[in-house]
Amino acid sequence: MKRRVLAGLLGVVLLAACGTTRSQADQQRDGTLVAGALRSADLAGVSFKLDQQLLITGGDIPSGQAVQLHATASGGVLRDDTARFGYHIQQGSQASDYDMRVADGRLYVRKHGAAAWKATPVSNTTTLFPALRLDVVREAVLLASSVSPSTLGHIDAGFARKYAVHPAASQVEQLLSIPVQGAAEQQFMKSASAEVDVFLTVPDNGLGRVEVHVSGVDPSNGEHQQIQSSIDLHSARVSAVEAPADAQLVSPSDILA
């Protein structure tokens, strides 16, 4: 019986994937489902692990060279647009560890083991962990230029339906933390590309995984950023995440210094 159910489910998925075009109503229906799962997970609370690759070329970086960073977070918790986690950055043979919190619209950071916290607007640091920003991902889904039909796959939490979302221009800017306007925005969008993949677990349609694949050239300095960010989530009891009592406000460029 289980084999028949799975075969039938696969058949439905394959038939859906064969279509070349989708109606706006179908895309809106799936987008509403995905956005609801993102909001429900955020409100209820989840534990997560994050993995991210960042590649930067161009700008002030000499031709033929690149800055490549690998960041991970495990044992993190997220609830109602707040989060608490450890953040590990590996660049070649060098590594750095930080304690991080997201609360009250700010990112709070301190080097692991230190006492002093720094703070800066989280909207200016989304590039550090775009898949973690469930509020931005949800907005990207609701305002998406397209939402694909689901395909069946397997993630850490088990079987899941994957929805591929192509964000609109303003959400691509948010995912890369690159605010642009006017002619600069047109120039930016010529170089930018993004896909957000959201995985809903079967059969309960819970949020199981988010992947963000995004790239673009910053018109202000010519840097080309490429980000592959993913987060795996599990339901958890999450206590309130509070902002540190004392934190020094700094510019986004100094938050990890």
Protein backbone atom coordinates (compact mmCIF):
# COMPACT_ATOMS: atom_id res chain seq x y z
CA MET A 1 0.00 0.00 0.00
CA LYS A 2 2.82 2.43 0.90
CA ARG A 3 4.47 1.75 -2.45
CA ARG A 4 1.22 2.53 -4.28
CA VAL A 5 0.74 5.78 -2.37
CA LEU A 6 4.31 6.89 -3.05
CA ALA A 7 4.07 5.90 -6.73
CA GLY A 8 0.85 7.86 -7.07
CA LEU A 9 2.41 10.88 -5.40
CA LEU A 10 5.43 10.72 -7.68
CA GLY A 11 3.14 10.48 -10.68
CA VAL A 12 1.28 13.62 -9.66
CA VAL A 13 4.55 15.46 -9.11
CA LEU A 14 5.95 14.40 -12.48
CA LEU A 15 2.80 15.43 -14.29
CA ALA A 16 2.89 18.83 -12.60
CA ALA A 17 6.53 19.30 -13.55
CA CYS A 18 5.84 18.58 -17.20
CA GLY A 19 3.80 21.73 -17.70
CA THR A 20 5.61 24.56 -19.46
CA THR A 21 3.46 27.41 -18.14
CA ARG A 22 1.48 28.00 -14.96
CA SER A 23 -1.56 30.11 -14.36
CA GLN A 24 -1.29 33.06 -12.01
CA ALA A 25 -3.92 31.43 -9.80
CA ASP A 26 -1.84 28.24 -9.44
CA GLN A 27 1.27 30.23 -8.59
CA GLN A 28 -0.62 32.35 -6.08
CA ARG A 29 -2.10 29.25 -4.44
CA ASP A 30 1.32 27.64 -4.00
CA GLY A 31 2.90 30.92 -2.93
CA THR A 32 0.25 31.34 -0.24
CA LEU A 33 0.89 27.80 1.00
CA VAL A 34 4.66 28.33 1.16
CA ALA A 35 4.36 31.77 2.79
CA GLY A 36 2.02 30.30 5.40
CA ALA A 37 4.51 27.55 6.26
CA LEU A 38 7.29 30.13 6.64
CA ARG A 39 5.15 32.28 8.94
CA SER A 40 3.95 29.31 11.01
CA ALA A 41 7.52 28.10 11.61
CA ASP A 42 8.62 31.60 12.58
CA LEU A 43 5.75 32.04 15.05
CA ALA A 44 5.99 28.58 16.61
CA GLY A 45 9.78 28.46 16.97
CA VAL A 46 12.37 26.19 15.37
CA SER A 47 15.90 24.96 15.86
CA PHE A 48 18.20 25.19 12.85
CA LYS A 49 21.56 24.56 11.29
CA LEU A 50 22.89 26.81 8.54
CA ASP A 51 25.51 26.39 5.85
CA GLN A 52 26.65 29.16 3.54
CA GLN A 53 29.24 29.76 0.83
CA LEU A 54 30.12 33.34 -0.16
CA LEU A 55 32.31 34.16 -3.16
CA ILE A 56 33.33 37.75 -3.93
CA THR A 57 35.23 38.85 -7.05
CA GLY A 58 35.79 42.15 -8.85
CA GLY A 59 35.83 45.57 -7.26
CA ASP A 60 39.07 46.13 -5.34
CA ILE A 61 39.94 42.42 -5.53
CA PRO A 62 42.78 41.85 -8.07
CA SER A 63 41.78 40.18 -11.33
CA GLY A 64 41.94 36.39 -11.10
CA GLN A 65 41.60 36.41 -7.31
CA ALA A 66 38.59 35.97 -5.04
CA VAL A 67 37.48 36.14 -1.45
CA GLN A 68 35.81 32.88 -0.48
CA LEU A 69 34.13 32.34 2.89
CA HIS A 70 32.39 29.31 4.36
CA ALA A 71 30.04 30.03 7.25
CA THR A 72 28.13 27.55 9.41
CA ALA A 73 25.75 27.77 12.34
CA SER A 74 24.43 24.89 14.42
CA GLY A 75 22.39 24.66 17.57
CA GLY A 76 20.59 27.87 16.64
CA VAL A 77 17.01 28.77 17.50
CA LEU A 78 14.59 31.14 15.77
CA ARG A 79 11.23 32.53 16.79
CA ASP A 80 9.08 35.51 15.76
CA ASP A 81 11.76 37.37 13.74
CA THR A 82 14.38 36.81 16.46
CA ALA A 83 17.25 34.31 16.57
CA ARG A 84 20.15 33.12 18.71
CA PHE A 85 23.08 31.12 17.30
CA GLY A 86 26.81 30.61 17.04
CA TYR A 87 28.41 31.61 13.73
CA HIS A 88 31.63 30.04 12.45
CA ILE A 89 33.51 31.58 9.51
CA GLN A 90 36.26 29.73 7.67
CA GLN A 91 38.46 31.55 5.16
CA GLY A 92 41.29 29.33 3.98
CA SER A 93 43.21 28.29 7.09
CA GLN A 94 41.77 31.12 9.20
CA ALA A 95 38.67 30.68 11.33
CA SER A 96 36.59 32.97 13.53
CA ASP A 97 33.71 32.23 15.89
CA TYR A 98 30.97 34.62 16.97
CA ASP A 99 27.90 34.66 19.17
CA MET A 100 24.96 36.25 17.33
CA ARG A 101 21.45 37.38 18.14
CA VAL A 102 18.76 38.94 15.98
CA ALA A 103 16.27 41.04 17.93
CA ASP A 104 14.46 44.37 17.64
CA GLY A 105 15.49 44.70 13.97
CA ARG A 106 19.21 44.54 14.80
CA LEU A 107 22.00 42.01 14.55
CA TYR A 108 24.02 41.68 17.76
CA VAL A 109 27.50 40.19 17.50
CA ARG A 110 30.37 39.44 19.85
CA LYS A 111 33.46 37.33 19.33
CA HIS A 112 32.99 33.99 21.05
CA GLY A 113 34.17 34.22 24.64
CA ALA A 114 34.25 38.03 24.70
CA ALA A 115 32.02 40.25 26.84
CA ALA A 116 31.28 43.24 24.59
CA TRP A 117 28.47 43.19 22.01
CA LYS A 118 28.19 45.20 18.81
CA ALA A 119 24.93 46.00 17.02
CA THR A 120 23.86 47.10 13.54
CA PRO A 121 20.61 46.96 11.52
CA VAL A 122 19.97 43.36 10.49
CA SER A 123 18.62 44.55 7.11
CA ASN A 124 22.16 45.66 6.21
CA THR A 125 23.69 42.29 7.09
CA THR A 126 21.28 39.84 5.43
CA THR A 127 24.11 38.77 3.12
CA LEU A 128 25.64 36.95 6.13
CA PHE A 129 22.69 34.54 6.33
CA PRO A 130 19.90 35.17 3.75
CA ALA A 131 18.27 31.76 4.32
CA LEU A 132 17.88 32.61 8.01
CA ARG A 133 15.79 35.72 7.27
CA LEU A 134 12.43 33.96 7.11
CA ASP A 135 10.65 37.32 7.03
CA VAL A 136 12.55 38.34 3.89
CA VAL A 137 12.10 34.90 2.31
CA ARG A 138 8.35 35.05 3.02
CA GLU A 139 8.15 38.48 1.39
CA ALA A 140 10.11 37.14 -1.60
CA VAL A 141 7.54 34.35 -1.97
CA LEU A 142 4.53 36.65 -1.75
CA LEU A 143 5.98 39.12 -4.27
CA ALA A 144 7.70 36.54 -6.48
CA SER A 145 7.88 36.89 -10.23
CA SER A 146 7.19 33.14 -10.45
CA VAL A 147 6.56 30.09 -8.24
CA SER A 148 7.18 26.62 -9.65
CA PRO A 149 5.01 23.55 -9.15
CA SER A 150 6.33 21.29 -6.40
CA THR A 151 8.71 18.40 -6.95
CA LEU A 152 9.25 15.58 -4.47
CA GLY A 153 12.64 15.14 -2.82
CA HIS A 154 14.36 14.15 0.40
CA ILE A 155 15.83 16.43 3.06
CA ASP A 156 17.17 16.00 6.57
CA ALA A 157 13.61 15.93 7.96
CA GLY A 158 12.42 13.27 5.46
CA PHE A 159 10.38 13.58 2.26
CA ALA A 160 9.53 17.11 1.20
CA ARG A 161 7.97 19.06 -1.65
CA LYS A 162 10.30 21.63 -3.17
CA TYR A 163 8.98 24.94 -4.50
CA ALA A 164 11.34 27.08 -6.59
CA VAL A 165 10.68 30.80 -6.22
CA HIS A 166 12.13 33.58 -8.37
CA PRO A 167 12.12 36.80 -6.32
CA ALA A 168 11.27 40.24 -7.67
CA ALA A 169 13.97 42.90 -7.94
CA SER A 170 13.47 44.52 -4.54
CA GLN A 171 13.79 41.18 -2.73
CA VAL A 172 17.01 40.33 -4.60
CA GLU A 173 18.44 43.58 -3.26
CA GLN A 174 17.41 42.63 0.27
CA LEU A 175 18.92 39.15 0.03
CA LEU A 176 22.28 40.65 -1.01
CA SER A 177 22.03 43.71 1.29
CA ILE A 178 22.61 45.95 -1.74
CA PRO A 179 20.23 48.95 -1.71
CA VAL A 180 20.05 50.55 -5.16
CA GLN A 181 17.75 53.06 -6.81
CA GLY A 182 17.03 54.57 -10.22
CA ALA A 183 19.55 53.86 -12.98
CA ALA A 184 21.75 51.93 -10.52
CA GLU A 185 18.89 49.51 -9.88
CA GLN A 186 18.50 48.83 -13.60
CA GLN A 187 22.24 48.20 -13.85
CA PHE A 188 22.13 45.91 -10.81
CA MET A 189 19.27 43.81 -12.13
CA LYS A 190 21.12 43.13 -15.39
CA SER A 191 23.75 41.28 -13.35
CA ALA A 192 21.52 39.80 -10.64
CA SER A 193 19.97 36.36 -10.45
CA ALA A 194 18.18 34.61 -7.61
CA GLU A 195 16.26 31.48 -6.76
CA VAL A 196 14.79 30.63 -3.38
CA ASP A 197 13.94 26.96 -2.86
CA VAL A 198 11.52 26.17 -0.04
CA PHE A 199 10.97 22.57 1.09
CA LEU A 200 7.72 21.63 2.87
CA THR A 201 7.65 18.29 4.65
CA VAL A 202 5.26 15.53 3.60
CA PRO A 203 2.47 15.12 4.57
CA ASP A 204 2.08 18.02 7.04
CA ASN A 205 3.46 20.87 4.86
CA GLY A 206 5.77 22.02 7.65
CA LEU A 207 8.86 24.08 6.83
CA GLY A 208 11.84 21.74 6.54
CA ARG A 209 14.52 23.57 4.57
CA VAL A 210 15.22 26.84 2.77
CA GLU A 211 17.90 27.40 0.13
CA VAL A 212 18.91 30.78 -1.28
CA HIS A 213 20.98 30.97 -4.47
CA VAL A 214 21.70 34.59 -5.33
CA SER A 215 24.32 36.65 -7.13
CA GLY A 216 24.78 40.22 -8.32
CA VAL A 217 27.23 43.04 -8.89
CA ASP A 218 27.20 45.97 -6.46
CA PRO A 219 27.04 49.11 -8.67
CA SER A 220 28.80 51.18 -5.99
CA ASN A 221 32.09 49.23 -6.08
CA GLY A 222 31.86 46.60 -8.83
CA GLU A 223 32.04 43.64 -6.46
CA HIS A 224 30.38 40.47 -7.69
CA GLN A 225 28.79 38.49 -4.85
CA GLN A 226 27.66 34.89 -5.16
CA ILE A 227 25.87 33.25 -2.23
CA GLN A 228 24.69 29.69 -1.67
CA SER A 229 22.86 29.64 1.66
CA SER A 230 20.81 26.84 3.20
CA ILE A 231 19.06 26.24 6.50
CA ASP A 232 17.51 23.05 7.89
CA LEU A 233 14.76 23.50 10.47
CA HIS A 234 13.02 21.38 13.09
CA SER A 235 10.17 22.23 15.45
CA ALA A 236 11.41 23.21 18.90
CA ARG A 237 10.41 25.00 22.07
CA VAL A 238 12.17 28.34 21.87
CA SER A 239 12.31 30.78 24.77
CA ALA A 240 12.24 34.50 24.08
CA VAL A 241 15.40 35.83 22.41
CA GLU A 242 16.31 39.14 24.03
CA ALA A 243 18.70 41.83 22.85
CA PRO A 244 21.86 42.29 24.95
CA ALA A 245 21.47 45.02 27.55
CA ASP A 246 24.56 46.93 26.43
CA ALA A 247 25.77 46.96 22.83
CA GLN A 248 27.85 49.41 20.81
CA LEU A 249 26.18 50.59 17.61
CA VAL A 250 28.54 50.22 14.64
CA SER A 251 28.35 50.38 10.85
CA PRO A 252 27.58 47.08 9.06
CA SER A 253 31.16 46.91 7.74
CA ASP A 254 32.50 46.85 11.33
CA ILE A 255 30.13 44.28 12.81
CA LEU A 256 32.63 41.40 12.50
CA ALA A 257 35.79 43.46 13.13
